[in-house]
N, C-alpha and C. Protein backbone atom coordinates (compact mmCIF):
# COMPACT_ATOMS: atom_id res chain seq x y z
N UNK A 1 -207.73 160.85 58.11
CA UNK A 1 -207.68 158.97 57.83
C UNK A 1 -208.11 159.01 56.22
N UNK A 2 -206.82 158.50 55.96
CA UNK A 2 -207.16 158.62 54.35
C UNK A 2 -207.99 156.80 54.04
N UNK A 3 -208.92 157.51 53.25
CA UNK A 3 -209.68 156.43 52.58
C UNK A 3 -209.36 155.41 51.20
N UNK A 4 -208.74 156.46 50.44
CA UNK A 4 -208.04 155.56 49.20
C UNK A 4 -206.59 156.07 49.44
N UNK A 5 -206.09 154.55 48.69
CA UNK A 5 -204.68 154.58 48.67
C UNK A 5 -204.24 154.72 47.42
N UNK A 6 -203.38 155.98 47.09
CA UNK A 6 -203.05 156.14 46.17
C UNK A 6 -201.19 155.92 45.90
N UNK A 7 -200.86 155.13 45.05
CA UNK A 7 -199.61 154.61 44.46
C UNK A 7 -199.07 155.36 43.53
N UNK A 8 -198.11 156.01 43.75
CA UNK A 8 -197.19 156.92 42.50
C UNK A 8 -196.08 156.54 42.05
N UNK A 9 -195.69 155.56 41.34
CA UNK A 9 -194.42 155.25 41.15
C UNK A 9 -193.28 155.93 40.87
N UNK A 10 -192.11 155.44 40.91
CA UNK A 10 -191.06 156.75 40.85
C UNK A 10 -190.71 156.90 39.50
N UNK A 11 -191.35 156.04 38.36
CA UNK A 11 -190.82 156.38 36.82
C UNK A 11 -192.09 157.35 36.61
N UNK A 12 -193.09 157.98 37.16
CA UNK A 12 -193.88 158.49 36.59
C UNK A 12 -193.22 160.03 36.36
N UNK A 13 -192.82 160.83 35.27
CA UNK A 13 -192.76 161.54 35.18
C UNK A 13 -193.44 162.82 34.93
N UNK A 14 -194.76 162.75 35.23
CA UNK A 14 -195.85 163.66 34.73
C UNK A 14 -195.90 164.53 33.87
N UNK A 15 -195.38 164.03 32.68
CA UNK A 15 -195.52 164.33 31.35
C UNK A 15 -194.60 165.39 30.71
N UNK A 16 -193.45 165.51 31.55
CA UNK A 16 -192.08 166.14 31.49
C UNK A 16 -191.57 165.55 30.35
N UNK A 17 -191.61 164.33 29.87
CA UNK A 17 -191.21 163.71 28.74
C UNK A 17 -191.42 164.55 27.18
N UNK A 18 -193.08 164.94 27.53
CA UNK A 18 -193.46 165.48 26.10
C UNK A 18 -192.82 166.63 25.56
N UNK A 19 -192.10 167.31 26.05
CA UNK A 19 -191.53 168.64 25.77
C UNK A 19 -190.27 168.13 24.83
N UNK A 20 -190.06 166.87 25.16
CA UNK A 20 -188.89 166.20 24.45
C UNK A 20 -189.08 166.10 22.85
N UNK A 21 -190.90 164.86 23.19
CA UNK A 21 -190.99 164.19 22.33
C UNK A 21 -191.71 165.10 21.00
N UNK A 22 -192.68 166.35 21.46
CA UNK A 22 -193.01 167.00 20.58
C UNK A 22 -192.63 168.09 19.70
N UNK A 23 -191.48 168.58 19.63
CA UNK A 23 -190.63 168.99 18.67
C UNK A 23 -190.19 168.01 17.61
N UNK A 24 -189.71 166.79 18.11
CA UNK A 24 -189.53 165.82 17.23
C UNK A 24 -190.42 164.92 16.31
N UNK A 25 -191.46 164.84 16.84
CA UNK A 25 -192.76 164.45 15.90
C UNK A 25 -192.96 165.89 15.08
N UNK A 26 -193.09 166.86 15.42
CA UNK A 26 -193.35 167.95 14.46
C UNK A 26 -192.47 168.17 13.37
N UNK A 27 -190.87 167.99 13.74
CA UNK A 27 -190.11 167.96 13.00
C UNK A 27 -190.30 166.54 11.65
N UNK A 28 -190.66 165.68 12.37
CA UNK A 28 -190.93 164.42 11.52
C UNK A 28 -191.97 164.50 10.37
N UNK A 29 -193.04 165.21 10.84
CA UNK A 29 -194.50 165.46 10.30
C UNK A 29 -193.81 166.89 8.86
N UNK A 30 -193.30 167.55 9.42
CA UNK A 30 -192.83 168.72 8.87
C UNK A 30 -191.71 168.28 7.47
N UNK A 31 -190.93 167.52 7.93
CA UNK A 31 -189.81 166.89 7.00
C UNK A 31 -190.91 165.92 6.05
N UNK A 32 -191.71 165.02 6.23
CA UNK A 32 -192.20 164.49 5.13
C UNK A 32 -193.45 165.10 4.62
N UNK A 33 -193.90 166.09 5.24
CA UNK A 33 -194.77 167.14 4.17
C UNK A 33 -193.93 168.06 3.32
N UNK A 34 -192.73 168.35 3.68
CA UNK A 34 -191.90 168.66 2.63
C UNK A 34 -191.55 168.01 1.58
N UNK A 35 -190.92 166.79 1.57
CA UNK A 35 -190.68 165.89 0.87
C UNK A 35 -191.62 165.05 0.05
N UNK A 36 -193.02 165.05 0.21
CA UNK A 36 -194.15 165.14 -0.43
C UNK A 36 -194.20 165.90 -1.34
N UNK A 37 -194.18 167.42 -0.66
CA UNK A 37 -194.43 168.32 -2.05
C UNK A 37 -193.31 168.47 -2.91
N UNK A 38 -191.93 168.16 -2.57
CA UNK A 38 -191.14 168.12 -3.59
C UNK A 38 -191.13 166.64 -4.26
N UNK A 39 -191.57 165.63 -3.97
CA UNK A 39 -192.19 164.88 -4.88
C UNK A 39 -192.98 164.97 -5.93
N UNK A 40 -193.73 165.57 -5.61
CA UNK A 40 -195.30 165.86 -6.60
C UNK A 40 -194.53 166.66 -7.65
N UNK A 41 -193.75 167.90 -7.48
CA UNK A 41 -193.23 168.52 -8.52
C UNK A 41 -192.50 168.16 -9.03
N UNK A 42 -191.29 166.92 -8.49
CA UNK A 42 -190.63 166.37 -9.57
C UNK A 42 -191.49 165.13 -10.65
N UNK A 43 -192.72 164.87 -9.87
CA UNK A 43 -193.69 163.94 -10.79
C UNK A 43 -194.67 164.72 -11.63
N UNK A 44 -194.40 165.80 -11.76
CA UNK A 44 -195.03 167.15 -12.38
C UNK A 44 -196.55 167.16 -12.09
N UNK A 45 -196.85 166.92 -10.86
CA UNK A 45 -198.21 167.42 -10.23
C UNK A 45 -198.11 168.61 -9.57
N UNK A 46 -198.02 169.81 -10.28
CA UNK A 46 -197.84 170.95 -9.71
C UNK A 46 -199.01 171.71 -9.03
N UNK A 47 -200.57 171.06 -9.36
CA UNK A 47 -201.78 171.73 -8.74
C UNK A 47 -201.39 171.39 -7.44
N UNK A 48 -201.31 169.86 -7.42
CA UNK A 48 -201.11 169.30 -6.12
C UNK A 48 -200.18 169.79 -4.91
N UNK A 49 -198.73 170.16 -5.88
CA UNK A 49 -198.00 170.61 -4.84
C UNK A 49 -197.87 171.81 -4.20
N UNK A 50 -198.87 172.54 -5.25
CA UNK A 50 -198.89 173.95 -5.04
C UNK A 50 -200.39 174.46 -3.60
N UNK A 51 -201.32 173.26 -4.01
CA UNK A 51 -202.25 173.18 -2.97
C UNK A 51 -201.86 173.04 -1.52
N UNK A 52 -200.62 172.03 -1.38
CA UNK A 52 -200.02 171.51 -0.25
C UNK A 52 -199.20 172.50 0.48
N UNK A 53 -198.43 173.68 -0.30
CA UNK A 53 -197.67 174.48 0.33
C UNK A 53 -198.09 174.99 1.49
N UNK A 54 -199.79 175.30 1.88
CA UNK A 54 -199.66 175.91 3.19
C UNK A 54 -199.88 174.94 4.36
N UNK A 55 -199.62 173.74 3.92
CA UNK A 55 -199.70 173.06 5.21
C UNK A 55 -198.45 172.89 5.92
N UNK A 56 -197.44 173.08 5.54
CA UNK A 56 -196.07 173.14 6.78
C UNK A 56 -195.99 174.41 7.08
N UNK A 57 -196.63 175.28 6.43
CA UNK A 57 -196.72 176.93 7.24
C UNK A 57 -197.76 177.06 8.10
N UNK A 58 -198.72 175.97 8.44
CA UNK A 58 -199.84 175.96 9.19
C UNK A 58 -199.50 174.91 10.24
N UNK A 59 -198.46 174.18 10.05
CA UNK A 59 -197.95 173.14 11.13
C UNK A 59 -196.98 173.81 11.85
N UNK A 60 -196.37 174.80 10.87
CA UNK A 60 -195.34 175.43 12.05
C UNK A 60 -196.05 176.66 12.99
N UNK A 61 -196.95 177.24 12.40
CA UNK A 61 -197.88 177.94 13.37
C UNK A 61 -198.28 177.31 14.56
N UNK A 62 -198.81 175.93 14.17
CA UNK A 62 -199.31 175.12 15.08
C UNK A 62 -198.03 174.86 16.19
N UNK A 63 -197.26 174.95 15.95
CA UNK A 63 -195.74 174.33 16.75
C UNK A 63 -195.82 175.60 17.77
N UNK A 64 -195.41 176.87 16.99
CA UNK A 64 -195.31 178.01 17.67
C UNK A 64 -196.31 178.54 18.79
N UNK A 65 -197.83 178.12 18.33
CA UNK A 65 -198.74 178.00 19.22
C UNK A 65 -198.88 177.13 20.69
N UNK A 66 -198.21 175.90 20.61
CA UNK A 66 -198.49 175.04 21.42
C UNK A 66 -197.14 175.24 22.50
N UNK A 67 -196.11 175.51 21.86
CA UNK A 67 -195.12 175.76 22.65
C UNK A 67 -194.73 177.12 23.37
N UNK A 68 -195.67 178.32 22.72
CA UNK A 68 -195.71 179.13 23.23
C UNK A 68 -196.92 179.24 24.56
N UNK A 69 -198.09 178.17 24.37
CA UNK A 69 -198.78 178.31 25.49
C UNK A 69 -198.72 177.49 26.41
N UNK A 70 -198.28 176.09 26.10
CA UNK A 70 -198.06 175.01 26.93
C UNK A 70 -196.68 174.69 27.61
N UNK A 71 -195.71 175.03 27.16
CA UNK A 71 -194.02 175.15 28.03
C UNK A 71 -194.18 175.58 29.17
N UNK A 72 -193.46 174.88 29.81
CA UNK A 72 -193.28 175.72 31.42
C UNK A 72 -192.51 176.76 30.91
N UNK A 73 -192.31 177.69 31.84
CA UNK A 73 -191.70 179.12 31.59
C UNK A 73 -190.37 178.96 32.39
């Protein structure tokens, strides 16, 4: 006997679309970080530009970690 009625609509993907969206979001954030660093160097704010250089590297390492551990095989 089923006590609780559970309705699962047809448009539920179960999170499969996340694997399409996540790389695009990471690419957008990475490109904005690189553009910000380039802008800081063109405006002669060298210290701020050098401080932000590890940020895209850390983001890329986070992307690799997520894809390695959470994407289906």
